[in-house]
Amino acid sequence: MSTSSSAKEPSLSIAGRLLLGEFVVYVALSMLLASRGLSADYVFVGLLAFNLVVAVFIAKAARALGKRAFLYGLISSLPPGALFAFFRLWSHQLWSRLDQDRRIS
């Protein structure tokens, strides 16, 4: 199943940081382009392209946590799916660490 549930999965934290940065940059660039009267369509295409990097890290994290990597990677190819998959894996990791800590106590 999982090799080490107590350790934090590095791919999941990298995916979370990239996901957050992706949305911050998208919103900032969209607002900047809108204030200058330009279309933000190319920024959205860039967001979709960069989101594939996030999907790879989410798939790696899913594999490390014993989940179906292909399924999580496929869901994560679009930004809303990436948010869903990230929080699903993050909550699984959190609950398994809490359960493991409870068994130790």
C-alpha atoms as a PDB file:
ATOM      1  CA  MET A   1       0.000   0.000   0.000  1.00  0.00           C
ATOM      2  CA  SER A   2       2.002   2.997   1.158  1.00  0.00           C
ATOM      3  CA  THR A   3       5.658   2.845   1.967  1.00  0.00           C
ATOM      4  CA  SER A   4       5.734   5.499   4.650  1.00  0.00           C
ATOM      5  CA  SER A   5       2.491   7.146   5.667  1.00  0.00           C
ATOM      6  CA  SER A   6       4.106   9.119   8.460  1.00  0.00           C
ATOM      7  CA  ALA A   7       6.476  10.960   6.118  1.00  0.00           C
ATOM      8  CA  LYS A   8       5.143  13.838   4.086  1.00  0.00           C
ATOM      9  CA  GLU A   9       4.895  13.025   0.394  1.00  0.00           C
ATOM     10  CA  PRO A  10       7.201  15.500  -1.433  1.00  0.00           C
ATOM     11  CA  SER A  11       5.407  15.212  -4.788  1.00  0.00           C
ATOM     12  CA  LEU A  12       2.121  16.184  -3.167  1.00  0.00           C
ATOM     13  CA  SER A  13       3.556  19.298  -1.539  1.00  0.00           C
ATOM     14  CA  ILE A  14       5.270  20.291  -4.802  1.00  0.00           C
ATOM     15  CA  ALA A  15       1.972  19.816  -6.653  1.00  0.00           C
ATOM     16  CA  GLY A  16       0.184  21.973  -4.083  1.00  0.00           C
ATOM     17  CA  ARG A  17       2.704  24.780  -4.406  1.00  0.00           C
ATOM     18  CA  LEU A  18       2.598  24.626  -8.198  1.00  0.00           C
ATOM     19  CA  LEU A  19      -1.197  24.603  -8.178  1.00  0.00           C
ATOM     20  CA  LEU A  20      -1.332  27.647  -5.932  1.00  0.00           C
ATOM     21  CA  GLY A  21       1.283  29.480  -7.993  1.00  0.00           C
ATOM     22  CA  GLU A  22      -0.523  28.585 -11.194  1.00  0.00           C
ATOM     23  CA  PHE A  23      -3.757  30.193 -10.046  1.00  0.00           C
ATOM     24  CA  VAL A  24      -2.070  33.271  -8.599  1.00  0.00           C
ATOM     25  CA  VAL A  25      -0.170  33.905 -11.843  1.00  0.00           C
ATOM     26  CA  TYR A  26      -3.286  33.245 -13.935  1.00  0.00           C
ATOM     27  CA  VAL A  27      -5.395  35.719 -11.968  1.00  0.00           C
ATOM     28  CA  ALA A  28      -2.650  38.356 -11.927  1.00  0.00           C
ATOM     29  CA  LEU A  29      -1.949  38.110 -15.658  1.00  0.00           C
ATOM     30  CA  SER A  30      -5.650  38.043 -16.524  1.00  0.00           C
ATOM     31  CA  MET A  31      -6.268  41.184 -14.487  1.00  0.00           C
ATOM     32  CA  LEU A  32      -3.240  42.896 -16.023  1.00  0.00           C
ATOM     33  CA  LEU A  33      -4.321  42.072 -19.554  1.00  0.00           C
ATOM     34  CA  ALA A  34      -7.944  43.043 -18.852  1.00  0.00           C
ATOM     35  CA  SER A  35      -6.835  46.426 -17.522  1.00  0.00           C
ATOM     36  CA  ARG A  36      -5.005  47.043 -20.792  1.00  0.00           C
ATOM     37  CA  GLY A  37      -7.985  45.935 -22.879  1.00  0.00           C
ATOM     38  CA  LEU A  38      -6.423  42.699 -24.118  1.00  0.00           C
ATOM     39  CA  SER A  39      -7.855  39.188 -24.180  1.00  0.00           C
ATOM     40  CA  ALA A  40      -6.700  36.655 -21.588  1.00  0.00           C
ATOM     41  CA  ASP A  41      -7.290  33.630 -23.838  1.00  0.00           C
ATOM     42  CA  TYR A  42      -3.593  32.906 -24.273  1.00  0.00           C
ATOM     43  CA  VAL A  43      -3.080  33.028 -20.524  1.00  0.00           C
ATOM     44  CA  PHE A  44      -5.733  30.324 -20.157  1.00  0.00           C
ATOM     45  CA  VAL A  45      -3.980  28.168 -22.757  1.00  0.00           C
ATOM     46  CA  GLY A  46      -0.749  28.639 -20.796  1.00  0.00           C
ATOM     47  CA  LEU A  47      -2.578  27.643 -17.622  1.00  0.00           C
ATOM     48  CA  LEU A  48      -3.779  24.425 -19.239  1.00  0.00           C
ATOM     49  CA  ALA A  49      -0.281  23.628 -20.510  1.00  0.00           C
ATOM     50  CA  PHE A  50       1.349  24.300 -17.132  1.00  0.00           C
ATOM     51  CA  ASN A  51      -1.330  22.264 -15.395  1.00  0.00           C
ATOM     52  CA  LEU A  52       0.077  19.143 -17.060  1.00  0.00           C
ATOM     53  CA  VAL A  53       3.188  19.551 -14.889  1.00  0.00           C
ATOM     54  CA  VAL A  54       0.938  19.653 -11.830  1.00  0.00           C
ATOM     55  CA  ALA A  55      -0.847  16.523 -13.074  1.00  0.00           C
ATOM     56  CA  VAL A  56       2.463  14.653 -13.258  1.00  0.00           C
ATOM     57  CA  PHE A  57       3.303  15.512  -9.648  1.00  0.00           C
ATOM     58  CA  ILE A  58      -0.192  14.538  -8.487  1.00  0.00           C
ATOM     59  CA  ALA A  59       0.150  11.204 -10.305  1.00  0.00           C
ATOM     60  CA  LYS A  60       3.519  10.602  -8.600  1.00  0.00           C
ATOM     61  CA  ALA A  61       1.983  11.400  -5.221  1.00  0.00           C
ATOM     62  CA  ALA A  62      -0.956   9.087  -5.905  1.00  0.00           C
ATOM     63  CA  ARG A  63       1.412   6.254  -6.792  1.00  0.00           C
ATOM     64  CA  ALA A  64       3.414   6.842  -3.602  1.00  0.00           C
ATOM     65  CA  LEU A  65       0.226   6.809  -1.511  1.00  0.00           C
ATOM     66  CA  GLY A  66      -1.009   3.566  -3.060  1.00  0.00           C
ATOM     67  CA  LYS A  67      -3.701   5.091  -5.273  1.00  0.00           C
ATOM     68  CA  ARG A  68      -4.253   4.722  -9.026  1.00  0.00           C
ATOM     69  CA  ALA A  69      -1.678   7.073 -10.531  1.00  0.00           C
ATOM     70  CA  PHE A  70      -3.142   7.053 -14.049  1.00  0.00           C
ATOM     71  CA  LEU A  71      -6.627   7.919 -12.819  1.00  0.00           C
ATOM     72  CA  TYR A  72      -5.423  10.765 -10.615  1.00  0.00           C
ATOM     73  CA  GLY A  73      -3.146  12.067 -13.379  1.00  0.00           C
ATOM     74  CA  LEU A  74      -5.975  11.992 -15.897  1.00  0.00           C
ATOM     75  CA  ILE A  75      -8.362  13.802 -13.561  1.00  0.00           C
ATOM     76  CA  SER A  76      -5.649  16.365 -12.810  1.00  0.00           C
ATOM     77  CA  SER A  77      -5.148  17.306 -16.445  1.00  0.00           C
ATOM     78  CA  LEU A  78      -7.787  20.036 -16.029  1.00  0.00           C
ATOM     79  CA  PRO A  79      -7.455  22.613 -13.219  1.00  0.00           C
ATOM     80  CA  PRO A  80     -10.708  21.788 -11.345  1.00  0.00           C
ATOM     81  CA  GLY A  81      -9.798  18.111 -11.419  1.00  0.00           C
ATOM     82  CA  ALA A  82      -6.317  18.947 -10.156  1.00  0.00           C
ATOM     83  CA  LEU A  83      -7.822  20.784  -7.192  1.00  0.00           C
ATOM     84  CA  PHE A  84     -10.114  17.851  -6.453  1.00  0.00           C
ATOM     85  CA  ALA A  85      -7.329  15.267  -6.757  1.00  0.00           C
ATOM     86  CA  PHE A  86      -4.916  17.335  -4.667  1.00  0.00           C
ATOM     87  CA  PHE A  87      -7.341  17.773  -1.781  1.00  0.00           C
ATOM     88  CA  ARG A  88      -8.393  14.128  -1.998  1.00  0.00           C
ATOM     89  CA  LEU A  89      -4.780  12.938  -1.727  1.00  0.00           C
ATOM     90  CA  TRP A  90      -3.944  15.545   0.902  1.00  0.00           C
ATOM     91  CA  SER A  91      -6.857  14.465   3.095  1.00  0.00           C
ATOM     92  CA  HIS A  92      -5.933  10.786   2.644  1.00  0.00           C
ATOM     93  CA  GLN A  93      -2.379  11.548   3.721  1.00  0.00           C
ATOM     94  CA  LEU A  94      -3.555  13.617   6.684  1.00  0.00           C
ATOM     95  CA  TRP A  95      -6.016  10.992   7.932  1.00  0.00           C
ATOM     96  CA  SER A  96      -3.536   8.153   7.585  1.00  0.00           C
ATOM     97  CA  ARG A  97      -0.930  10.131   9.565  1.00  0.00           C
ATOM     98  CA  LEU A  98      -3.490  10.919  12.263  1.00  0.00           C
ATOM     99  CA  ASP A  99      -4.550   7.282  12.402  1.00  0.00           C
ATOM    100  CA  GLN A 100      -0.945   6.183  12.700  1.00  0.00           C
ATOM    101  CA  ASP A 101      -0.281   8.715  15.481  1.00  0.00           C
ATOM    102  CA  ARG A 102      -3.364   7.493  17.337  1.00  0.00           C
ATOM    103  CA  ARG A 103      -2.113   3.897  17.203  1.00  0.00           C
ATOM    104  CA  ILE A 104       1.245   4.957  18.648  1.00  0.00           C
ATOM    105  CA  SER A 105      -0.340   6.839  21.562  1.00  0.00           C
END
